[in-house]
C-alpha atoms as a PDB file:
ATOM      1  CA  MET A   1     -10.433  -6.400  -9.871  1.00  0.00           C
ATOM      2  CA  SER A   2     -11.694  -9.914 -10.452  1.00  0.00           C
ATOM      3  CA  PHE A   3     -10.202 -13.242 -10.036  1.00  0.00           C
ATOM      4  CA  ASN A   4     -11.590 -15.741 -12.388  1.00  0.00           C
ATOM      5  CA  ASP A   5     -10.583 -19.499 -12.800  1.00  0.00           C
ATOM      6  CA  GLU A   6      -8.371 -18.694 -15.860  1.00  0.00           C
ATOM      7  CA  LYS A   7      -6.223 -16.368 -13.501  1.00  0.00           C
ATOM      8  CA  LEU A   8      -6.036 -18.548 -10.550  1.00  0.00           C
ATOM      9  CA  ALA A   9      -3.995 -21.774 -10.324  1.00  0.00           C
ATOM     10  CA  PRO A  10      -6.444 -24.636  -9.212  1.00  0.00           C
ATOM     11  CA  ALA A  11      -6.733 -24.707  -5.296  1.00  0.00           C
ATOM     12  CA  VAL A  12      -5.499 -27.732  -3.604  1.00  0.00           C
ATOM     13  CA  LEU A  13      -7.328 -28.999  -0.629  1.00  0.00           C
ATOM     14  CA  GLN A  14      -4.645 -29.631   1.874  1.00  0.00           C
ATOM     15  CA  SER A  15      -6.856 -30.767   4.717  1.00  0.00           C
ATOM     16  CA  ALA A  16     -10.477 -31.067   5.556  1.00  0.00           C
ATOM     17  CA  SER A  17     -10.385 -27.408   6.906  1.00  0.00           C
ATOM     18  CA  ARG A  18      -7.843 -25.420   4.934  1.00  0.00           C
ATOM     19  CA  TYR A  19      -6.849 -24.812   1.182  1.00  0.00           C
ATOM     20  CA  GLU A  20      -3.440 -24.303  -0.121  1.00  0.00           C
ATOM     21  CA  ILE A  21      -2.461 -20.638  -0.650  1.00  0.00           C
ATOM     22  CA  PRO A  22      -2.048 -20.283  -4.666  1.00  0.00           C
ATOM     23  CA  GLU A  23       1.501 -18.889  -5.798  1.00  0.00           C
ATOM     24  CA  GLY A  24       1.679 -15.336  -6.014  1.00  0.00           C
ATOM     25  CA  PHE A  25      -1.077 -14.839  -3.153  1.00  0.00           C
ATOM     26  CA  ARG A  26      -0.861 -14.202   0.576  1.00  0.00           C
ATOM     27  CA  ALA A  27      -3.262 -15.366   3.388  1.00  0.00           C
ATOM     28  CA  VAL A  28      -5.120 -12.708   4.999  1.00  0.00           C
ATOM     29  CA  ALA A  29      -7.076 -13.326   8.230  1.00  0.00           C
ATOM     30  CA  MET A  30      -9.927 -10.903   8.889  1.00  0.00           C
ATOM     31  CA  GLN A  31     -13.392 -10.630  10.522  1.00  0.00           C
ATOM     32  CA  SER A  32     -16.093  -9.086   8.596  1.00  0.00           C
ATOM     33  CA  ALA A  33     -17.407  -5.735   9.594  1.00  0.00           C
ATOM     34  CA  GLY A  34     -20.812  -6.657   8.899  1.00  0.00           C
ATOM     35  CA  PRO A  35     -22.840  -9.843   9.309  1.00  0.00           C
ATOM     36  CA  LEU A  36     -21.220 -12.660   7.445  1.00  0.00           C
ATOM     37  CA  PRO A  37     -23.089 -15.085   4.982  1.00  0.00           C
ATOM     38  CA  ILE A  38     -22.676 -18.951   5.899  1.00  0.00           C
ATOM     39  CA  LEU A  39     -19.058 -19.683   4.518  1.00  0.00           C
ATOM     40  CA  GLN A  40     -17.203 -22.782   3.564  1.00  0.00           C
ATOM     41  CA  ASN A  41     -13.748 -23.430   2.550  1.00  0.00           C
ATOM     42  CA  GLY A  42     -13.512 -23.195  -1.259  1.00  0.00           C
ATOM     43  CA  ASN A  43     -16.148 -20.255  -1.355  1.00  0.00           C
ATOM     44  CA  HIS A  44     -15.475 -17.068  -3.159  1.00  0.00           C
ATOM     45  CA  VAL A  45     -16.256 -13.925  -1.903  1.00  0.00           C
ATOM     46  CA  ASP A  46     -16.336 -10.192  -2.972  1.00  0.00           C
ATOM     47  CA  VAL A  47     -14.340  -7.832  -0.485  1.00  0.00           C
ATOM     48  CA  ILE A  48     -15.980  -4.596   0.224  1.00  0.00           C
ATOM     49  CA  ILE A  49     -14.305  -1.681   1.785  1.00  0.00           C
ATOM     50  CA  ASP A  50     -15.966   1.838   2.365  1.00  0.00           C
ATOM     51  CA  SER A  51     -18.671   0.691   0.224  1.00  0.00           C
ATOM     52  CA  ALA A  52     -16.816  -0.111  -2.729  1.00  0.00           C
ATOM     53  CA  ILE A  53     -16.057  -3.863  -4.058  1.00  0.00           C
ATOM     54  CA  VAL A  54     -12.107  -3.635  -3.963  1.00  0.00           C
ATOM     55  CA  LEU A  55     -11.476  -7.669  -4.902  1.00  0.00           C
ATOM     56  CA  GLU A  56     -13.923  -9.786  -6.429  1.00  0.00           C
ATOM     57  CA  GLN A  57     -14.339 -13.704  -6.281  1.00  0.00           C
ATOM     58  CA  VAL A  58     -11.559 -14.183  -3.579  1.00  0.00           C
ATOM     59  CA  LEU A  59     -10.924 -17.556  -2.428  1.00  0.00           C
ATOM     60  CA  VAL A  60     -11.705 -18.567   1.018  1.00  0.00           C
ATOM     61  CA  ILE A  61      -9.095 -21.013   2.087  1.00  0.00           C
ATOM     62  CA  ASP A  62      -9.712 -21.060   6.082  1.00  0.00           C
ATOM     63  CA  ILE A  63     -12.476 -20.314   8.533  1.00  0.00           C
ATOM     64  CA  ALA A  64     -11.497 -20.426  12.437  1.00  0.00           C
ATOM     65  CA  GLU A  65     -14.538 -20.689  14.445  1.00  0.00           C
ATOM     66  CA  GLN A  66     -14.022 -19.603  18.037  1.00  0.00           C
ATOM     67  CA  SER A  67     -16.669 -19.759  20.923  1.00  0.00           C
ATOM     68  CA  GLY A  68     -18.480 -16.379  21.788  1.00  0.00           C
ATOM     69  CA  ARG A  69     -16.570 -14.717  18.966  1.00  0.00           C
ATOM     70  CA  GLN A  70     -17.171 -13.883  15.248  1.00  0.00           C
ATOM     71  CA  ALA A  71     -15.487 -16.214  12.876  1.00  0.00           C
ATOM     72  CA  THR A  72     -11.950 -15.294  11.539  1.00  0.00           C
ATOM     73  CA  ILE A  73     -12.128 -15.620   7.886  1.00  0.00           C
ATOM     74  CA  VAL A  74      -8.658 -16.542   5.907  1.00  0.00           C
ATOM     75  CA  LEU A  75      -8.634 -15.562   2.154  1.00  0.00           C
ATOM     76  CA  ALA A  76      -5.936 -15.965  -0.556  1.00  0.00           C
ATOM     77  CA  VAL A  77      -5.348 -12.283  -1.615  1.00  0.00           C
ATOM     78  CA  PRO A  78      -3.003 -11.214  -4.625  1.00  0.00           C
ATOM     79  CA  VAL A  79       0.330 -10.112  -3.166  1.00  0.00           C
ATOM     80  CA  GLU A  80      -0.105  -6.595  -4.698  1.00  0.00           C
ATOM     81  CA  ASN A  81      -3.465  -6.129  -2.663  1.00  0.00           C
ATOM     82  CA  SER A  82      -2.327  -8.078   0.428  1.00  0.00           C
ATOM     83  CA  ALA A  83      -1.164  -4.898   2.429  1.00  0.00           C
ATOM     84  CA  MET A  84      -4.273  -2.965   1.750  1.00  0.00           C
ATOM     85  CA  ILE A  85      -6.663  -5.718   2.661  1.00  0.00           C
ATOM     86  CA  ALA A  86      -4.664  -6.414   5.885  1.00  0.00           C
ATOM     87  CA  ASN A  87      -4.616  -2.965   6.952  1.00  0.00           C
ATOM     88  CA  ALA A  88      -8.606  -2.291   6.277  1.00  0.00           C
ATOM     89  CA  ALA A  89      -9.165  -5.826   8.074  1.00  0.00           C
ATOM     90  CA  ALA A  90      -7.175  -4.726  11.126  1.00  0.00           C
ATOM     91  CA  LEU A  91      -9.049  -1.191  11.217  1.00  0.00           C
ATOM     92  CA  GLY A  92     -12.448  -3.418  10.975  1.00  0.00           C
ATOM     93  CA  VAL A  93     -13.492  -1.809   7.949  1.00  0.00           C
ATOM     94  CA  VAL A  94     -13.971  -5.044   5.676  1.00  0.00           C
ATOM     95  CA  SER A  95     -17.116  -6.649   4.724  1.00  0.00           C
ATOM     96  CA  LEU A  96     -17.430  -9.877   2.664  1.00  0.00           C
ATOM     97  CA  VAL A  97     -20.439 -10.877   0.081  1.00  0.00           C
ATOM     98  CA  LEU A  98     -20.478 -14.660  -0.885  1.00  0.00           C
ATOM     99  CA  VAL A  99     -20.470 -14.894  -4.533  1.00  0.00           C
ATOM    100  CA  GLY A 100     -23.012 -17.650  -6.273  1.00  0.00           C
END
């Protein structure tokens, strides 16, 4: 599934570190199962579970860095996919790929 700019309402920057969650989406926090590319708020990523791309061009709405821990990435995920992504994230089987 791909989310291009025609489907998404424009992301609105709420503060220096966080984007507003678009209508019809949910914020899902996760840590990548593999190494993360250098990400910034407003980037788009593909979400990979079990070697398959399950969501494309997902908006990164926040990144929480903690000393000594892997960064937590918050993504804007469509409502219909939020449970699947949250469950996979809890199991630690999600990888993220930066979209150029």
